[in-house]
Amino acid sequence: MPEDTPASLARKEKYKLLNERFNFDTQGNLPVGEPAQSDATREATVDGYFANYRTATAGNDKIATSLFRVAVSGMSTVRQFVSSSAVYDYALKAFGLDPATESRSSIMRVLRSDPSDPSSYANSLNDDRYVKLAAAFNFDDSGKIAAQRIAQTEANQIDTATRYAESFGDTPTTAESKAITEATTAYKKALLSIVSVNDFVTNKTVVDFALKAYGLEADRLSQKDLVSILTSDPSDPESFVNKSGDRRLIEFAAAYAFTPDGGIERGVHEIQSASDFLSTQDFYLRQTMEEEAGADNESVRLALYFRRLAPELTSIYEILADPALLTVVQTAVGLPAESSQSNLDLQKRTIEKKLDLETLKDPKGLERFISRYLALQEAQSTSTATSPALAILGSSGGIL
C-alpha cells in the first residue's frame, strides 16, 4: 500500500469532519426524533460554506475589481465607459443588470441622466437599478465627466456629526456614546443613497439624525416643511429659511447641497467618488455571490437576495413590485403564485395579515422567515428529507 500523501491525509480529515457534522447512521438514516444537524454543527457548516466561497471566488473578484478601478480612473466620457468590458460589465453586474442583454445606447442615456430629476431618462424607466447606476457615476448630459453630486460635503458631515454628539451633553454615558457612534455610522452610510431632496426627506435614518443635530427634533416638521427648508438658498434674504428668522433652519439648509428644484449641486470633477466606488464594489460582490449560488440552487439565490433587501423594506408594495421578493414571500406565507393575478390592494391586505415587515428587521426573525421559505420550497420541489439549501442558509428547526 502506498503511503498517504499530505493531500490525501487532508482529504480524509475533511471527510471525517463532514461525517461529524451530520447525525446519519451507517445506513444513511437519522435516529428517530433527531435532526440532521444540531444548532452548533449547522452554524459551523454555514460558516464553512461562506469561508470556502470567499476562498474560491476572492481571486476572481479581486481581479475584476482591480481591472474596473484601473480602467474607470482613466475615463473621461460615457462612450469610453460602455466601450470597456472591464468597466461596463462590472458596473452593470454591481447593480443587478445583465451586460449581455442591456442596450449600450440605453445605458449611455442612463449615465447621462440626472438621477435627482424625476423626468430624467433613468427615472422614466421606473426601475431603481438604473437610477442607482446613474447616481454612482458623474457624467453630465453631454456624456462628459462632471463634478460629483453630493448631498453633504465631508466637512459638513463632520460638523453635523459633531452637533449630533453635542446634543447628548458634555458627559454622555457609555451607552449614549455607543449609540452616537452607531447612529453616525448609519447616517453616513444612508447619505450615500441620497440623490434628491425626496430621497432625503423619506429616509428616516437621515432625517432623525439631522433633526437632532440641528435641534429640530421636537418641531414636528412635515416632509413638505423639510423640502421647503432644504431647497432654500441661505444666501437669499427672501428665501424660506431667511424669512422664518430661525437660525436653526438657516444652518440646517446651509449644511446640505440641494438645489431649488430638489436636485444636488455638483462638487469635484471625478468620474466616481471614493464612496461611490466602494458602494459599487460592494454591490458587485454581493450580486456575484447571489448569481453563483443560484447557478446551483435558485431558491438559495432568492434567499440571499431576500436576506439582503428585506431589512430595508418599508411597504408591502415594494414586495409586490419585485418578482423575486414576492416569490419568497408567497412561498413562505403559503400563497399560491396565482394570487399575483388578483387586485394589488387585495394582495397587499392578504400579505399584511401573514407578514409583519418589522419582524424582518430582526436578524433572528429574518432567518426564521428565510428558513420557512427554503423548507416549503424544498417540500414543493423534492421529497428529500434533508434540504441542501437549508444546510447553507438555515434549518428546519428554525421554521416559524
Protein backbone atom coordinates (compact mmCIF):
# COMPACT_ATOMS: atom_id res chain seq x y z
CA MET A 1 0.00 0.00 0.00
CA PRO A 2 1.44 3.41 -0.93
CA GLU A 3 1.91 5.85 1.89
CA ASP A 4 -0.68 8.54 2.37
CA THR A 5 0.37 11.87 0.93
CA PRO A 6 -0.26 15.14 2.77
CA ALA A 7 -3.04 15.87 0.26
CA SER A 8 -4.80 12.54 0.82
CA LEU A 9 -4.50 12.88 4.60
CA ALA A 10 -6.04 16.34 4.42
CA ARG A 11 -8.90 14.97 2.31
CA LYS A 12 -9.53 12.20 4.84
CA GLU A 13 -9.75 14.79 7.60
CA LYS A 14 -12.33 16.71 5.58
CA TYR A 15 -14.41 13.55 5.09
CA LYS A 16 -14.17 12.84 8.81
CA LEU A 17 -15.32 16.40 9.60
CA LEU A 18 -18.22 16.08 7.15
CA ASN A 19 -19.31 12.87 8.85
CA GLU A 20 -19.17 14.51 12.28
CA ARG A 21 -21.29 17.44 11.13
CA PHE A 22 -24.35 15.24 10.45
CA ASN A 23 -26.30 12.71 12.51
CA PHE A 24 -26.83 9.98 9.88
CA ASP A 25 -26.17 6.36 10.80
CA THR A 26 -24.21 3.88 8.67
CA GLN A 27 -27.39 3.12 6.68
CA GLY A 28 -27.91 6.78 5.82
CA ASN A 29 -30.87 7.19 8.18
CA LEU A 30 -31.49 9.62 11.02
CA PRO A 31 -32.20 8.35 14.53
CA VAL A 32 -35.85 8.81 15.44
CA GLY A 33 -36.55 12.32 16.69
CA GLU A 34 -33.11 13.71 15.85
CA PRO A 35 -32.47 16.48 13.28
CA ALA A 36 -29.85 16.12 10.58
CA GLN A 37 -27.70 18.70 12.37
CA SER A 38 -27.54 20.32 15.77
CA ASP A 39 -27.55 24.11 16.06
CA ALA A 40 -23.78 24.12 16.59
CA THR A 41 -22.92 21.87 13.63
CA ARG A 42 -25.34 23.74 11.36
CA GLU A 43 -23.71 27.05 12.28
CA ALA A 44 -20.27 25.58 11.63
CA THR A 45 -21.44 24.30 8.23
CA VAL A 46 -22.81 27.71 7.26
CA ASP A 47 -19.58 29.40 8.35
CA GLY A 48 -17.58 26.87 6.37
CA TYR A 49 -19.68 27.40 3.26
CA PHE A 50 -19.16 31.14 3.21
CA ALA A 51 -15.47 30.83 4.12
CA ASN A 52 -14.90 28.42 1.23
CA TYR A 53 -16.98 30.61 -1.09
CA ARG A 54 -14.75 33.55 -0.28
CA THR A 55 -11.61 31.48 -0.79
CA ALA A 56 -12.79 30.12 -4.15
CA THR A 57 -14.03 33.41 -5.59
CA ALA A 58 -11.94 36.08 -3.88
CA GLY A 59 -9.23 35.81 -6.52
CA ASN A 60 -11.58 36.39 -9.46
CA ASP A 61 -13.46 39.15 -7.67
CA LYS A 62 -10.21 40.88 -6.72
CA ILE A 63 -9.01 40.81 -10.34
CA ALA A 64 -12.35 42.15 -11.64
CA THR A 65 -12.33 44.92 -9.04
CA SER A 66 -8.74 45.88 -9.83
CA LEU A 67 -9.41 45.98 -13.58
CA PHE A 68 -12.51 48.10 -13.01
CA ARG A 69 -10.71 50.53 -10.74
CA VAL A 70 -7.78 50.99 -13.11
CA ALA A 71 -9.93 51.31 -16.23
CA VAL A 72 -12.50 53.70 -14.77
CA SER A 73 -9.86 56.05 -13.38
CA GLY A 74 -8.65 56.90 -16.88
CA MET A 75 -12.03 57.60 -18.44
CA SER A 76 -13.43 60.98 -19.39
CA THR A 77 -16.57 60.15 -21.41
CA VAL A 78 -19.57 57.87 -21.19
CA ARG A 79 -18.65 56.36 -24.58
CA GLN A 80 -15.37 55.12 -23.10
CA PHE A 81 -17.38 53.66 -20.22
CA VAL A 82 -19.62 51.49 -22.43
CA SER A 83 -16.69 50.52 -24.68
CA SER A 84 -14.68 48.96 -21.84
CA SER A 85 -15.82 45.48 -20.85
CA ALA A 86 -13.88 45.72 -17.58
CA VAL A 87 -15.94 48.76 -16.58
CA TYR A 88 -19.25 48.13 -18.34
CA ASP A 89 -19.68 44.51 -17.22
CA TYR A 90 -18.55 45.17 -13.65
CA ALA A 91 -20.75 48.23 -13.16
CA LEU A 92 -23.90 46.68 -14.62
CA LYS A 93 -23.49 43.46 -12.62
CA ALA A 94 -22.98 45.55 -9.50
CA PHE A 95 -26.48 46.98 -9.89
CA GLY A 96 -28.20 43.75 -10.91
CA LEU A 97 -28.22 44.45 -14.67
CA ASP A 98 -27.16 41.90 -17.30
CA PRO A 99 -24.41 43.28 -19.57
CA ALA A 100 -25.32 40.68 -22.22
CA THR A 101 -28.90 41.87 -22.64
CA GLU A 102 -28.77 45.59 -21.87
CA SER A 103 -28.55 48.04 -24.75
CA ARG A 104 -25.33 50.04 -24.63
CA SER A 105 -27.06 53.05 -26.15
CA SER A 106 -29.70 52.90 -23.42
CA ILE A 107 -27.05 52.64 -20.73
CA MET A 108 -25.35 55.70 -22.21
CA ARG A 109 -28.63 57.60 -21.85
CA VAL A 110 -28.96 56.37 -18.27
CA LEU A 111 -25.46 57.55 -17.38
CA ARG A 112 -26.12 60.97 -18.91
CA SER A 113 -29.27 61.29 -16.80
CA ASP A 114 -29.67 63.36 -13.67
CA PRO A 115 -30.92 60.85 -11.04
CA SER A 116 -32.33 63.71 -8.97
CA ASP A 117 -34.58 64.84 -11.84
CA PRO A 118 -37.93 62.95 -11.79
CA SER A 119 -38.30 63.49 -15.55
CA SER A 120 -34.83 62.17 -16.47
CA TYR A 121 -34.40 59.12 -18.68
CA ALA A 122 -33.13 56.96 -15.80
CA ASN A 123 -36.22 57.76 -13.72
CA SER A 124 -38.57 57.27 -16.69
CA LEU A 125 -37.57 53.58 -16.82
CA ASN A 126 -39.31 53.04 -13.45
CA ASP A 127 -36.53 50.73 -12.30
CA ASP A 128 -34.44 51.77 -9.32
CA ARG A 129 -31.41 49.88 -10.64
CA TYR A 130 -30.93 52.39 -13.46
CA VAL A 131 -31.30 55.35 -11.09
CA LYS A 132 -28.66 53.90 -8.78
CA LEU A 133 -26.34 53.27 -11.73
CA ALA A 134 -26.70 56.89 -12.88
CA ALA A 135 -26.11 58.15 -9.34
CA ALA A 136 -22.94 56.08 -8.94
CA PHE A 137 -21.10 57.87 -11.77
CA ASN A 138 -20.51 61.53 -12.54
CA PHE A 139 -21.36 62.16 -16.19
CA ASP A 140 -23.21 65.26 -17.38
CA ASP A 141 -25.94 65.36 -20.03
CA SER A 142 -23.32 65.50 -22.81
CA GLY A 143 -21.60 62.34 -21.57
CA LYS A 144 -18.51 64.02 -20.17
CA ILE A 145 -17.13 63.86 -16.63
CA ALA A 146 -18.86 66.34 -14.37
CA ALA A 147 -18.36 67.32 -10.77
CA GLN A 148 -19.65 64.89 -8.18
CA ARG A 149 -23.18 65.29 -6.81
CA ILE A 150 -23.05 65.06 -3.03
CA ALA A 151 -25.89 65.74 -0.63
CA GLN A 152 -23.41 66.89 2.01
CA THR A 153 -19.70 67.68 1.87
CA GLU A 154 -17.27 65.82 4.11
CA ALA A 155 -16.73 68.95 6.18
CA ASN A 156 -20.45 69.41 6.72
CA GLN A 157 -20.85 65.73 7.59
CA ILE A 158 -18.25 66.18 10.31
CA ASP A 159 -19.99 69.33 11.56
CA THR A 160 -23.39 67.61 11.60
CA ALA A 161 -21.97 64.58 13.44
CA THR A 162 -20.34 66.91 15.99
CA ARG A 163 -23.65 68.72 16.56
CA TYR A 164 -25.41 65.38 16.99
CA ALA A 165 -22.89 64.24 19.62
CA GLU A 166 -23.11 67.57 21.44
CA SER A 167 -26.88 67.20 21.72
CA PHE A 168 -26.25 64.49 24.33
CA GLY A 169 -24.44 66.92 26.63
CA ASP A 170 -20.84 67.25 27.77
CA THR A 171 -20.61 63.89 29.53
CA PRO A 172 -22.62 61.24 27.68
CA THR A 173 -22.89 57.84 29.31
CA THR A 174 -21.12 54.80 27.89
CA ALA A 175 -24.40 53.62 26.37
CA GLU A 176 -25.02 57.05 24.83
CA SER A 177 -21.50 57.18 23.39
CA LYS A 178 -22.06 53.81 21.75
CA ALA A 179 -25.43 54.97 20.40
CA ILE A 180 -23.82 58.15 18.99
CA THR A 181 -21.16 56.14 17.16
CA GLU A 182 -23.71 53.71 15.72
CA ALA A 183 -26.10 56.48 14.67
CA THR A 184 -23.31 58.46 13.00
CA THR A 185 -22.12 55.43 11.05
CA ALA A 186 -25.68 54.66 9.93
CA TYR A 187 -26.22 58.30 8.91
CA LYS A 188 -23.08 58.48 6.76
CA LYS A 189 -23.94 55.17 5.11
CA ALA A 190 -27.51 56.30 4.39
CA LEU A 191 -26.27 59.55 2.83
CA LEU A 192 -24.63 57.52 0.04
CA SER A 193 -28.06 56.65 -1.36
CA ILE A 194 -29.39 60.23 -1.37
CA VAL A 195 -29.69 61.63 -4.91
CA SER A 196 -32.58 64.07 -4.41
CA VAL A 197 -34.32 66.02 -1.68
CA ASN A 198 -37.16 63.49 -1.85
CA ASP A 199 -34.69 60.70 -1.01
CA PHE A 200 -33.57 62.75 1.98
CA VAL A 201 -36.98 63.51 3.48
CA THR A 202 -38.18 59.91 3.10
CA ASN A 203 -35.08 58.39 4.72
CA LYS A 204 -35.85 58.08 8.44
CA THR A 205 -32.24 57.38 9.40
CA VAL A 206 -31.03 60.59 7.76
CA VAL A 207 -33.93 62.77 8.90
CA ASP A 208 -33.86 61.67 12.55
CA PHE A 209 -30.11 62.22 12.79
CA ALA A 210 -30.16 65.61 11.04
CA LEU A 211 -33.10 66.99 13.01
CA LYS A 212 -31.48 66.06 16.32
CA ALA A 213 -28.15 67.52 15.19
CA TYR A 214 -29.76 70.88 14.42
CA GLY A 215 -32.08 70.93 17.43
CA LEU A 216 -35.24 70.45 15.38
CA GLU A 217 -36.41 67.03 16.55
CA ALA A 218 -39.23 68.49 18.67
CA ASP A 219 -40.57 70.80 15.92
CA ARG A 220 -42.71 68.15 14.19
CA LEU A 221 -41.64 69.22 10.73
CA SER A 222 -43.52 67.55 7.88
CA GLN A 223 -41.84 66.24 4.73
CA LYS A 224 -43.21 69.29 2.92
CA ASP A 225 -41.59 71.54 5.55
CA LEU A 226 -38.28 69.75 5.15
CA VAL A 227 -38.35 70.15 1.37
CA SER A 228 -39.01 73.88 1.74
CA ILE A 229 -36.08 74.21 4.16
CA LEU A 230 -33.58 72.09 2.27
CA THR A 231 -34.28 73.72 -1.11
CA SER A 232 -33.91 77.23 0.32
CA ASP A 233 -30.91 79.40 -0.51
CA PRO A 234 -29.40 80.63 2.78
CA SER A 235 -27.69 83.45 0.88
CA ASP A 236 -31.02 84.81 -0.43
CA PRO A 237 -32.70 87.20 2.06
CA GLU A 238 -36.07 86.29 0.53
CA SER A 239 -35.66 82.52 0.85
CA PHE A 240 -37.92 80.39 3.02
CA VAL A 241 -35.37 79.88 5.81
CA ASN A 242 -34.31 83.52 5.99
CA LYS A 243 -37.90 84.70 6.12
CA SER A 244 -38.50 82.30 9.02
CA GLY A 245 -35.91 84.13 11.13
CA ASP A 246 -34.98 80.78 12.74
CA ARG A 247 -31.21 80.37 12.90
CA ARG A 248 -31.56 76.60 13.24
CA LEU A 249 -33.37 76.35 9.88
CA ILE A 250 -30.76 78.54 8.16
CA GLU A 251 -27.90 76.37 9.45
CA PHE A 252 -29.81 73.21 8.57
CA ALA A 253 -30.34 74.36 4.97
CA ALA A 254 -26.73 75.51 4.65
CA ALA A 255 -25.45 72.08 5.71
CA TYR A 256 -26.76 70.36 2.56
CA ALA A 257 -26.24 70.87 -1.17
CA PHE A 258 -29.77 70.73 -2.55
CA THR A 259 -30.79 73.00 -5.41
CA PRO A 260 -34.11 74.90 -5.53
CA ASP A 261 -35.61 72.16 -7.74
CA GLY A 262 -34.64 69.40 -5.31
CA GLY A 263 -31.54 68.18 -7.10
CA ILE A 264 -27.98 68.12 -5.76
CA GLU A 265 -25.19 70.54 -6.57
CA ARG A 266 -22.04 69.12 -8.04
CA GLY A 267 -18.68 69.09 -6.26
CA VAL A 268 -15.26 67.98 -7.50
CA HIS A 269 -14.72 66.59 -11.04
CA GLU A 270 -14.25 62.83 -10.80
CA ILE A 271 -15.88 60.01 -12.74
CA GLN A 272 -16.63 58.28 -9.42
CA SER A 273 -16.05 59.32 -5.82
CA ALA A 274 -14.28 57.00 -3.36
CA SER A 275 -17.55 56.30 -1.55
CA ASP A 276 -19.33 55.51 -4.83
CA PHE A 277 -16.50 53.16 -5.81
CA LEU A 278 -16.79 51.28 -2.51
CA SER A 279 -20.57 51.04 -2.93
CA THR A 280 -20.21 49.72 -6.48
CA GLN A 281 -17.63 47.17 -5.35
CA ASP A 282 -19.89 46.00 -2.51
CA PHE A 283 -22.89 45.69 -4.84
CA TYR A 284 -20.78 43.72 -7.34
CA LEU A 285 -19.52 41.21 -4.77
CA ARG A 286 -22.99 40.60 -3.32
CA GLN A 287 -24.60 40.29 -6.76
CA THR A 288 -21.90 37.86 -7.92
CA MET A 289 -22.37 35.72 -4.82
CA GLU A 290 -26.13 35.55 -5.38
CA GLU A 291 -25.72 34.61 -9.04
CA GLU A 292 -23.17 31.89 -8.35
CA ALA A 293 -25.29 30.43 -5.56
CA GLY A 294 -28.27 30.49 -7.90
CA ALA A 295 -26.38 28.57 -10.55
CA ASP A 296 -26.62 25.54 -8.28
CA ASN A 297 -29.85 26.32 -6.45
CA GLU A 298 -32.33 29.01 -7.47
CA SER A 299 -34.01 29.03 -4.07
CA VAL A 300 -30.66 29.85 -2.43
CA ARG A 301 -30.15 32.78 -4.81
CA LEU A 302 -33.61 34.11 -3.98
CA ALA A 303 -33.00 33.62 -0.27
CA LEU A 304 -29.71 35.55 -0.42
CA TYR A 305 -31.42 38.31 -2.40
CA PHE A 306 -34.27 38.47 0.11
CA ARG A 307 -31.85 38.47 3.05
CA ARG A 308 -30.06 41.50 1.56
CA LEU A 309 -33.14 43.62 0.82
CA ALA A 310 -35.72 42.59 3.43
CA PRO A 311 -34.43 44.66 6.39
CA GLU A 312 -34.88 47.86 4.34
CA LEU A 313 -38.48 47.16 3.25
CA THR A 314 -41.00 49.73 4.43
CA SER A 315 -44.08 48.76 2.42
CA ILE A 316 -45.75 45.61 1.12
CA TYR A 317 -45.97 47.36 -2.24
CA GLU A 318 -42.17 47.10 -2.51
CA ILE A 319 -42.56 43.31 -2.32
CA LEU A 320 -45.36 43.32 -4.89
CA ALA A 321 -43.17 45.33 -7.27
CA ASP A 322 -40.26 42.87 -7.10
CA PRO A 323 -40.96 39.38 -8.54
CA ALA A 324 -38.05 37.81 -6.65
CA LEU A 325 -39.13 39.18 -3.26
CA LEU A 326 -42.74 38.27 -4.00
CA THR A 327 -41.81 34.67 -4.83
CA VAL A 328 -40.09 34.25 -1.46
CA VAL A 329 -42.97 35.82 0.47
CA GLN A 330 -45.70 33.90 -1.37
CA THR A 331 -43.92 30.61 -0.69
CA ALA A 332 -43.14 31.40 2.95
CA VAL A 333 -46.67 32.52 3.88
CA GLY A 334 -48.42 29.84 1.82
CA LEU A 335 -49.89 31.90 -1.01
CA PRO A 336 -50.17 30.38 -4.50
CA ALA A 337 -48.30 32.07 -7.33
CA GLU A 338 -51.68 32.65 -9.00
CA SER A 339 -52.55 35.14 -6.26
CA SER A 340 -50.38 37.64 -8.18
CA GLN A 341 -53.22 37.96 -10.66
CA SER A 342 -55.58 39.47 -8.10
CA ASN A 343 -56.05 43.16 -7.29
CA LEU A 344 -52.91 44.80 -5.84
CA ASP A 345 -54.71 46.17 -2.81
CA LEU A 346 -56.17 42.74 -2.10
CA GLN A 347 -52.70 41.18 -2.39
CA LYS A 348 -51.34 43.83 -0.02
CA ARG A 349 -54.03 43.16 2.60
CA THR A 350 -53.57 39.40 2.32
CA ILE A 351 -49.79 39.58 2.82
CA GLU A 352 -50.13 42.08 5.68
CA LYS A 353 -52.25 39.55 7.56
CA LYS A 354 -49.47 36.98 7.28
CA LEU A 355 -46.29 39.09 7.46
CA ASP A 356 -45.19 41.94 9.73
CA LEU A 357 -42.31 43.75 8.00
CA GLU A 358 -40.90 44.75 11.38
CA THR A 359 -40.02 41.10 12.07
CA LEU A 360 -37.66 41.17 9.08
CA LYS A 361 -35.59 43.92 10.69
CA ASP A 362 -34.66 41.49 13.47
CA PRO A 363 -31.85 39.18 12.24
CA LYS A 364 -33.34 36.17 14.04
CA GLY A 365 -36.81 36.89 12.69
CA LEU A 366 -35.39 37.27 9.19
CA GLU A 367 -33.52 33.97 9.42
CA ARG A 368 -36.66 32.18 10.62
CA PHE A 369 -38.62 33.57 7.68
CA ILE A 370 -35.93 32.52 5.19
CA SER A 371 -35.76 29.07 6.76
CA ARG A 372 -39.51 28.72 6.35
CA TYR A 373 -39.27 29.75 2.70
CA LEU A 374 -36.47 27.28 1.98
CA ALA A 375 -38.21 24.42 3.76
CA LEU A 376 -41.51 24.98 1.93
CA GLN A 377 -39.75 25.49 -1.39
CA GLU A 378 -37.87 22.25 -0.97
CA ALA A 379 -41.08 20.48 0.03
CA GLN A 380 -42.68 21.63 -3.21
CA SER A 381 -39.78 20.56 -5.42
CA THR A 382 -38.47 17.38 -3.78
CA SER A 383 -39.45 14.68 -1.33
CA THR A 384 -35.92 14.54 0.10
CA ALA A 385 -35.94 14.91 3.86
CA THR A 386 -32.76 16.96 4.08
CA SER A 387 -32.53 20.25 2.16
CA PRO A 388 -29.13 21.36 0.81
CA ALA A 389 -30.46 24.92 0.73
CA LEU A 390 -31.22 24.79 4.43
CA ALA A 391 -27.76 23.40 5.08
CA ILE A 392 -26.44 26.63 3.60
CA LEU A 393 -28.83 29.23 4.97
CA GLY A 394 -30.82 27.76 7.82
CA SER A 395 -32.52 24.64 9.15
CA SER A 396 -35.93 23.07 9.56
CA GLY A 397 -35.53 23.76 13.26
CA GLY A 398 -35.91 27.46 12.54
CA ILE A 399 -39.29 27.25 10.82
CA LEU A 400 -41.96 29.55 12.20
